[in-house]
């Protein structure tokens, strides 16, 4: 069996997420859900949707906090 490119890209995102948040990548990888199809490991569809949604929410929060800090620094 081989790992699909989408899974490899997701692992890279998890590594980046762990570095940004200071969390252990192992914790993030334990949550990852895979499925097998045509001799490949793929991300489960529901997991992929939820994960992307969670990452987007987190990035939006970081952006919002950054904007608030910029406003406070400008005062």
PDB file of N, CA and C in Angstrom:
ATOM      1  N   UNK A   1       0.834  -1.179   0.000  1.00  0.00           N
ATOM      2  CA  UNK A   1       0.000   0.000   0.000  1.00  0.00           C
ATOM      3  C   UNK A   1       0.879   1.242   0.000  1.00  0.00           C
ATOM      4  N   UNK A   2       0.427   2.293  -0.673  1.00  0.00           N
ATOM      5  CA  UNK A   2       1.170   3.544  -0.645  1.00  0.00           C
ATOM      6  C   UNK A   2       0.291   4.652  -0.070  1.00  0.00           C
ATOM      7  N   UNK A   3       0.965   5.703   0.393  1.00  0.00           N
ATOM      8  CA  UNK A   3       0.262   6.848   0.967  1.00  0.00           C
ATOM      9  C   UNK A   3      -0.046   7.837  -0.153  1.00  0.00           C
ATOM     10  N   UNK A   4      -1.283   8.230  -0.248  1.00  0.00           N
ATOM     11  CA  UNK A   4      -1.737   9.200  -1.241  1.00  0.00           C
ATOM     12  C   UNK A   4      -1.092  10.559  -0.985  1.00  0.00           C
ATOM     13  N   UNK A   5      -0.887  11.343  -2.048  1.00  0.00           N
ATOM     14  CA  UNK A   5      -0.277  12.667  -1.929  1.00  0.00           C
ATOM     15  C   UNK A   5      -1.057  13.587  -0.994  1.00  0.00           C
ATOM     16  N   UNK A   6      -2.372  13.449  -0.971  1.00  0.00           N
ATOM     17  CA  UNK A   6      -3.196  14.263  -0.073  1.00  0.00           C
ATOM     18  C   UNK A   6      -2.832  13.992   1.390  1.00  0.00           C
ATOM     19  N   UNK A   7      -2.560  12.743   1.715  1.00  0.00           N
ATOM     20  CA  UNK A   7      -2.187  12.380   3.084  1.00  0.00           C
ATOM     21  C   UNK A   7      -0.819  12.990   3.418  1.00  0.00           C
ATOM     22  N   UNK A   8       0.114  12.914   2.479  1.00  0.00           N
ATOM     23  CA  UNK A   8       1.440  13.492   2.697  1.00  0.00           C
ATOM     24  C   UNK A   8       1.330  14.996   2.931  1.00  0.00           C
ATOM     25  N   UNK A   9       0.526  15.679   2.128  1.00  0.00           N
ATOM     26  CA  UNK A   9       0.323  17.121   2.299  1.00  0.00           C
ATOM     27  C   UNK A   9      -0.324  17.418   3.654  1.00  0.00           C
ATOM     28  N   UNK A  10      -1.237  16.560   4.071  1.00  0.00           N
ATOM     29  CA  UNK A  10      -1.911  16.769   5.358  1.00  0.00           C
ATOM     30  C   UNK A  10      -0.920  16.592   6.512  1.00  0.00           C
ATOM     31  N   UNK A  11      -0.037  15.620   6.403  1.00  0.00           N
ATOM     32  CA  UNK A  11       0.982  15.423   7.443  1.00  0.00           C
ATOM     33  C   UNK A  11       1.880  16.659   7.528  1.00  0.00           C
ATOM     34  N   UNK A  12       2.211  17.242   6.378  1.00  0.00           N
ATOM     35  CA  UNK A  12       3.008  18.477   6.368  1.00  0.00           C
ATOM     36  C   UNK A  12       2.258  19.598   7.093  1.00  0.00           C
ATOM     37  N   UNK A  13       0.947  19.706   6.856  1.00  0.00           N
ATOM     38  CA  UNK A  13       0.137  20.717   7.543  1.00  0.00           C
ATOM     39  C   UNK A  13       0.132  20.471   9.042  1.00  0.00           C
ATOM     40  N   UNK A  14       0.016  19.201   9.428  1.00  0.00           N
ATOM     41  CA  UNK A  14       0.014  18.875  10.850  1.00  0.00           C
ATOM     42  C   UNK A  14       1.338  19.241  11.499  1.00  0.00           C
ATOM     43  N   UNK A  15       2.433  19.038  10.786  1.00  0.00           N
ATOM     44  CA  UNK A  15       3.748  19.416  11.300  1.00  0.00           C
ATOM     45  C   UNK A  15       3.832  20.935  11.472  1.00  0.00           C
ATOM     46  N   UNK A  16       3.353  21.671  10.468  1.00  0.00           N
ATOM     47  CA  UNK A  16       3.347  23.133  10.562  1.00  0.00           C
ATOM     48  C   UNK A  16       2.479  23.594  11.727  1.00  0.00           C
ATOM     49  N   UNK A  17       1.324  22.989  11.860  1.00  0.00           N
ATOM     50  CA  UNK A  17       0.403  23.320  12.946  1.00  0.00           C
ATOM     51  C   UNK A  17       1.063  23.072  14.301  1.00  0.00           C
ATOM     52  N   UNK A  18       1.744  21.947  14.435  1.00  0.00           N
ATOM     53  CA  UNK A  18       2.426  21.616  15.687  1.00  0.00           C
ATOM     54  C   UNK A  18       3.520  22.631  15.995  1.00  0.00           C
ATOM     55  N   UNK A  19       4.237  23.048  14.967  1.00  0.00           N
ATOM     56  CA  UNK A  19       5.305  24.035  15.171  1.00  0.00           C
ATOM     57  C   UNK A  19       4.740  25.388  15.568  1.00  0.00           C
ATOM     58  N   UNK A  20       3.648  25.804  14.937  1.00  0.00           N
ATOM     59  CA  UNK A  20       3.042  27.106  15.223  1.00  0.00           C
ATOM     60  C   UNK A  20       2.443  27.137  16.629  1.00  0.00           C
ATOM     61  N   UNK A  21       1.760  26.059  16.997  1.00  0.00           N
ATOM     62  CA  UNK A  21       1.056  26.034  18.277  1.00  0.00           C
ATOM     63  C   UNK A  21       1.904  25.520  19.425  1.00  0.00           C
ATOM     64  N   UNK A  22       3.061  24.937  19.100  1.00  0.00           N
ATOM     65  CA  UNK A  22       3.906  24.365  20.144  1.00  0.00           C
ATOM     66  C   UNK A  22       3.357  23.073  20.711  1.00  0.00           C
ATOM     67  N   UNK A  23       2.510  22.406  19.943  1.00  0.00           N
ATOM     68  CA  UNK A  23       1.947  21.129  20.388  1.00  0.00           C
ATOM     69  C   UNK A  23       2.748  19.970  19.800  1.00  0.00           C
ATOM     70  N   UNK A  24       2.531  18.807  20.333  1.00  0.00           N
ATOM     71  CA  UNK A  24       3.211  17.605  19.873  1.00  0.00           C
ATOM     72  C   UNK A  24       2.511  17.091  18.617  1.00  0.00           C
ATOM     73  N   UNK A  25       3.249  16.886  17.536  1.00  0.00           N
ATOM     74  CA  UNK A  25       2.653  16.407  16.286  1.00  0.00           C
ATOM     75  C   UNK A  25       1.993  15.047  16.478  1.00  0.00           C
ATOM     76  N   UNK A  26       2.502  14.262  17.421  1.00  0.00           N
ATOM     77  CA  UNK A  26       1.938  12.930  17.661  1.00  0.00           C
ATOM     78  C   UNK A  26       0.468  13.045  18.058  1.00  0.00           C
ATOM     79  N   UNK A  27       0.150  14.038  18.882  1.00  0.00           N
ATOM     80  CA  UNK A  27      -1.243  14.238  19.286  1.00  0.00           C
ATOM     81  C   UNK A  27      -2.129  14.512  18.070  1.00  0.00           C
ATOM     82  N   UNK A  28      -1.627  15.352  17.161  1.00  0.00           N
ATOM     83  CA  UNK A  28      -2.400  15.674  15.957  1.00  0.00           C
ATOM     84  C   UNK A  28      -2.524  14.458  15.036  1.00  0.00           C
ATOM     85  N   UNK A  29      -1.462  13.698  14.913  1.00  0.00           N
ATOM     86  CA  UNK A  29      -1.496  12.541  14.012  1.00  0.00           C
ATOM     87  C   UNK A  29      -2.399  11.432  14.535  1.00  0.00           C
ATOM     88  N   UNK A  30      -2.535  11.349  15.847  1.00  0.00           N
ATOM     89  CA  UNK A  30      -3.434  10.335  16.418  1.00  0.00           C
ATOM     90  C   UNK A  30      -4.888  10.579  16.015  1.00  0.00           C
ATOM     91  N   UNK A  31      -5.208  11.820  15.736  1.00  0.00           N
ATOM     92  CA  UNK A  31      -6.576  12.158  15.337  1.00  0.00           C
ATOM     93  C   UNK A  31      -6.842  11.858  13.863  1.00  0.00           C
ATOM     94  N   UNK A  32      -5.770  11.703  13.076  1.00  0.00           N
ATOM     95  CA  UNK A  32      -5.906  11.498  11.635  1.00  0.00           C
ATOM     96  C   UNK A  32      -6.610  10.173  11.348  1.00  0.00           C
ATOM     97  N   UNK A  33      -7.536  10.213  10.402  1.00  0.00           N
ATOM     98  CA  UNK A  33      -8.299   9.026  10.014  1.00  0.00           C
ATOM     99  C   UNK A  33      -8.064   8.746   8.538  1.00  0.00           C
ATOM    100  N   UNK A  34      -7.673   7.505   8.242  1.00  0.00           N
ATOM    101  CA  UNK A  34      -7.368   7.104   6.872  1.00  0.00           C
ATOM    102  C   UNK A  34      -8.287   5.968   6.441  1.00  0.00           C
ATOM    103  N   UNK A  35      -8.404   5.827   5.143  1.00  0.00           N
ATOM    104  CA  UNK A  35      -9.162   4.726   4.562  1.00  0.00           C
ATOM    105  C   UNK A  35      -8.342   4.161   3.400  1.00  0.00           C
ATOM    106  N   UNK A  36      -8.543   2.895   3.113  1.00  0.00           N
ATOM    107  CA  UNK A  36      -7.808   2.250   2.023  1.00  0.00           C
ATOM    108  C   UNK A  36      -8.706   2.114   0.798  1.00  0.00           C
ATOM    109  N   UNK A  37      -8.136   2.450  -0.376  1.00  0.00           N
ATOM    110  CA  UNK A  37      -8.859   2.307  -1.629  1.00  0.00           C
ATOM    111  C   UNK A  37      -7.837   2.147  -2.751  1.00  0.00           C
ATOM    112  N   UNK A  38      -8.025   1.172  -3.586  1.00  0.00           N
ATOM    113  CA  UNK A  38      -7.136   0.936  -4.722  1.00  0.00           C
ATOM    114  C   UNK A  38      -5.670   0.902  -4.305  1.00  0.00           C
ATOM    115  N   UNK A  39      -5.393   0.201  -3.230  1.00  0.00           N
ATOM    116  CA  UNK A  39      -4.037  -0.006  -2.715  1.00  0.00           C
ATOM    117  C   UNK A  39      -3.352   1.302  -2.286  1.00  0.00           C
ATOM    118  N   UNK A  40      -4.165   2.309  -1.886  1.00  0.00           N
ATOM    119  CA  UNK A  40      -3.656   3.578  -1.390  1.00  0.00           C
ATOM    120  C   UNK A  40      -4.326   3.923  -0.071  1.00  0.00           C
ATOM    121  N   UNK A  41      -3.605   4.621   0.784  1.00  0.00           N
ATOM    122  CA  UNK A  41      -4.195   5.161   1.997  1.00  0.00           C
ATOM    123  C   UNK A  41      -4.615   6.595   1.716  1.00  0.00           C
ATOM    124  N   UNK A  42      -5.886   6.891   1.975  1.00  0.00           N
ATOM    125  CA  UNK A  42      -6.483   8.202   1.724  1.00  0.00           C
ATOM    126  C   UNK A  42      -7.031   8.765   3.023  1.00  0.00           C
ATOM    127  N   UNK A  43      -7.161  10.095   3.089  1.00  0.00           N
ATOM    128  CA  UNK A  43      -7.843  10.704   4.226  1.00  0.00           C
ATOM    129  C   UNK A  43      -9.328  10.381   4.143  1.00  0.00           C
ATOM    130  N   UNK A  44      -9.929  10.036   5.285  1.00  0.00           N
ATOM    131  CA  UNK A  44     -11.380   9.858   5.297  1.00  0.00           C
ATOM    132  C   UNK A  44     -12.009  11.201   4.953  1.00  0.00           C
ATOM    133  N   UNK A  45     -13.044  11.186   4.151  1.00  0.00           N
ATOM    134  CA  UNK A  45     -13.683  12.405   3.663  1.00  0.00           C
ATOM    135  C   UNK A  45     -14.149  13.302   4.803  1.00  0.00           C
ATOM    136  N   UNK A  46     -14.838  12.748   5.769  1.00  0.00           N
ATOM    137  CA  UNK A  46     -15.369  13.546   6.884  1.00  0.00           C
ATOM    138  C   UNK A  46     -14.230  14.144   7.707  1.00  0.00           C
ATOM    139  N   UNK A  47     -13.188  13.345   7.950  1.00  0.00           N
ATOM    140  CA  UNK A  47     -12.031  13.854   8.696  1.00  0.00           C
ATOM    141  C   UNK A  47     -11.389  15.017   7.948  1.00  0.00           C
ATOM    142  N   UNK A  48     -11.201  14.868   6.632  1.00  0.00           N
ATOM    143  CA  UNK A  48     -10.558  15.909   5.822  1.00  0.00           C
ATOM    144  C   UNK A  48     -11.361  17.218   5.894  1.00  0.00           C
ATOM    145  N   UNK A  49     -12.686  17.120   5.790  1.00  0.00           N
ATOM    146  CA  UNK A  49     -13.540  18.313   5.871  1.00  0.00           C
ATOM    147  C   UNK A  49     -13.410  18.991   7.226  1.00  0.00           C
ATOM    148  N   UNK A  50     -13.527  18.186   8.294  1.00  0.00           N
ATOM    149  CA  UNK A  50     -13.453  18.739   9.647  1.00  0.00           C
ATOM    150  C   UNK A  50     -12.083  19.355   9.927  1.00  0.00           C
ATOM    151  N   UNK A  51     -11.050  18.688   9.482  1.00  0.00           N
ATOM    152  CA  UNK A  51      -9.695  19.173   9.713  1.00  0.00           C
ATOM    153  C   UNK A  51      -9.465  20.515   9.013  1.00  0.00           C
ATOM    154  N   UNK A  52      -9.859  20.613   7.754  1.00  0.00           N
ATOM    155  CA  UNK A  52      -9.703  21.872   7.011  1.00  0.00           C
ATOM    156  C   UNK A  52     -10.503  22.985   7.661  1.00  0.00           C
ATOM    157  N   UNK A  53     -11.706  22.659   8.116  1.00  0.00           N
ATOM    158  CA  UNK A  53     -12.547  23.651   8.785  1.00  0.00           C
ATOM    159  C   UNK A  53     -11.885  24.137  10.069  1.00  0.00           C
ATOM    160  N   UNK A  54     -11.351  23.218  10.854  1.00  0.00           N
ATOM    161  CA  UNK A  54     -10.698  23.580  12.110  1.00  0.00           C
ATOM    162  C   UNK A  54      -9.449  24.430  11.862  1.00  0.00           C
ATOM    163  N   UNK A  55      -8.668  24.081  10.857  1.00  0.00           N
ATOM    164  CA  UNK A  55      -7.465  24.844  10.534  1.00  0.00           C
ATOM    165  C   UNK A  55      -7.844  26.248  10.079  1.00  0.00           C
ATOM    166  N   UNK A  56      -8.875  26.361   9.247  1.00  0.00           N
ATOM    167  CA  UNK A  56      -9.333  27.678   8.783  1.00  0.00           C
ATOM    168  C   UNK A  56      -9.798  28.545   9.943  1.00  0.00           C
ATOM    169  N   UNK A  57     -10.557  27.950  10.858  1.00  0.00           N
ATOM    170  CA  UNK A  57     -11.032  28.693  12.028  1.00  0.00           C
ATOM    171  C   UNK A  57      -9.862  29.192  12.859  1.00  0.00           C
ATOM    172  N   UNK A  58      -8.871  28.320  13.058  1.00  0.00           N
ATOM    173  CA  UNK A  58      -7.722  28.697  13.859  1.00  0.00           C
ATOM    174  C   UNK A  58      -6.952  29.833  13.191  1.00  0.00           C
ATOM    175  N   UNK A  59      -6.744  29.755  11.885  1.00  0.00           N
ATOM    176  CA  UNK A  59      -6.031  30.809  11.171  1.00  0.00           C
ATOM    177  C   UNK A  59      -6.789  32.132  11.224  1.00  0.00           C
ATOM    178  N   UNK A  60      -8.119  32.065  11.131  1.00  0.00           N
ATOM    179  CA  UNK A  60      -8.933  33.283  11.244  1.00  0.00           C
ATOM    180  C   UNK A  60      -8.798  33.908  12.632  1.00  0.00           C
ATOM    181  N   UNK A  61      -8.751  33.053  13.668  1.00  0.00           N
ATOM    182  CA  UNK A  61      -8.582  33.562  15.028  1.00  0.00           C
ATOM    183  C   UNK A  61      -7.219  34.221  15.196  1.00  0.00           C
ATOM    184  N   UNK A  62      -6.187  33.586  14.635  1.00  0.00           N
ATOM    185  CA  UNK A  62      -4.838  34.152  14.709  1.00  0.00           C
ATOM    186  C   UNK A  62      -4.804  35.502  14.003  1.00  0.00           C
ATOM    187  N   UNK A  63      -5.432  35.578  12.834  1.00  0.00           N
ATOM    188  CA  UNK A  63      -5.470  36.833  12.090  1.00  0.00           C
ATOM    189  C   UNK A  63      -6.208  37.913  12.875  1.00  0.00           C
ATOM    190  N   UNK A  64      -7.324  37.538  13.483  1.00  0.00           N
ATOM    191  CA  UNK A  64      -8.094  38.497  14.282  1.00  0.00           C
ATOM    192  C   UNK A  64      -7.275  39.002  15.467  1.00  0.00           C
ATOM    193  N   UNK A  65      -6.596  38.100  16.145  1.00  0.00           N
ATOM    194  CA  UNK A  65      -5.768  38.494  17.283  1.00  0.00           C
ATOM    195  C   UNK A  65      -4.614  39.390  16.844  1.00  0.00           C
ATOM    196  N   UNK A  66      -4.066  39.085  15.701  1.00  0.00           N
ATOM    197  CA  UNK A  66      -2.979  39.897  15.158  1.00  0.00           C
ATOM    198  C   UNK A  66      -3.457  41.309  14.856  1.00  0.00           C
ATOM    199  N   UNK A  67      -4.656  41.417  14.290  1.00  0.00           N
ATOM    200  CA  UNK A  67      -5.241  42.729  13.976  1.00  0.00           C
ATOM    201  C   UNK A  67      -5.506  43.525  15.255  1.00  0.00           C
ATOM    202  N   UNK A  68      -5.991  42.855  16.299  1.00  0.00           N
ATOM    203  CA  UNK A  68      -6.247  43.514  17.569  1.00  0.00           C
ATOM    204  C   UNK A  68      -4.935  44.037  18.169  1.00  0.00           C
ATOM    205  N   UNK A  69      -3.888  43.214  18.104  1.00  0.00           N
ATOM    206  CA  UNK A  69      -2.590  43.634  18.626  1.00  0.00           C
ATOM    207  C   UNK A  69      -2.041  44.826  17.854  1.00  0.00           C
ATOM    208  N   UNK A  70      -2.220  44.836  16.546  1.00  0.00           N
ATOM    209  CA  UNK A  70      -1.759  45.968  15.739  1.00  0.00           C
ATOM    210  C   UNK A  70      -2.497  47.243  16.116  1.00  0.00           C
ATOM    211  N   UNK A  71      -3.814  47.117  16.350  1.00  0.00           N
ATOM    212  CA  UNK A  71      -4.589  48.293  16.762  1.00  0.00           C
ATOM    213  C   UNK A  71      -4.131  48.801  18.129  1.00  0.00           C
ATOM    214  N   UNK A  72      -3.861  47.886  19.038  1.00  0.00           N
ATOM    215  CA  UNK A  72      -3.424  48.272  20.379  1.00  0.00           C
ATOM    216  C   UNK A  72      -2.038  48.909  20.334  1.00  0.00           C
ATOM    217  N   UNK A  73      -1.168  48.398  19.482  1.00  0.00           N
ATOM    218  CA  UNK A  73       0.180  48.956  19.355  1.00  0.00           C
ATOM    219  C   UNK A  73       0.142  50.362  18.744  1.00  0.00           C
ATOM    220  N   UNK A  74      -0.863  50.621  17.927  1.00  0.00           N
ATOM    221  CA  UNK A  74      -0.993  51.910  17.269  1.00  0.00           C
ATOM    222  C   UNK A  74      -1.573  53.001  18.150  1.00  0.00           C
ATOM    223  N   UNK A  75      -2.088  52.642  19.292  1.00  0.00           N
ATOM    224  CA  UNK A  75      -2.739  53.626  20.182  1.00  0.00           C
ATOM    225  C   UNK A  75      -1.740  54.436  20.946  1.00  0.00           C
TER     226      UNK A  75
END
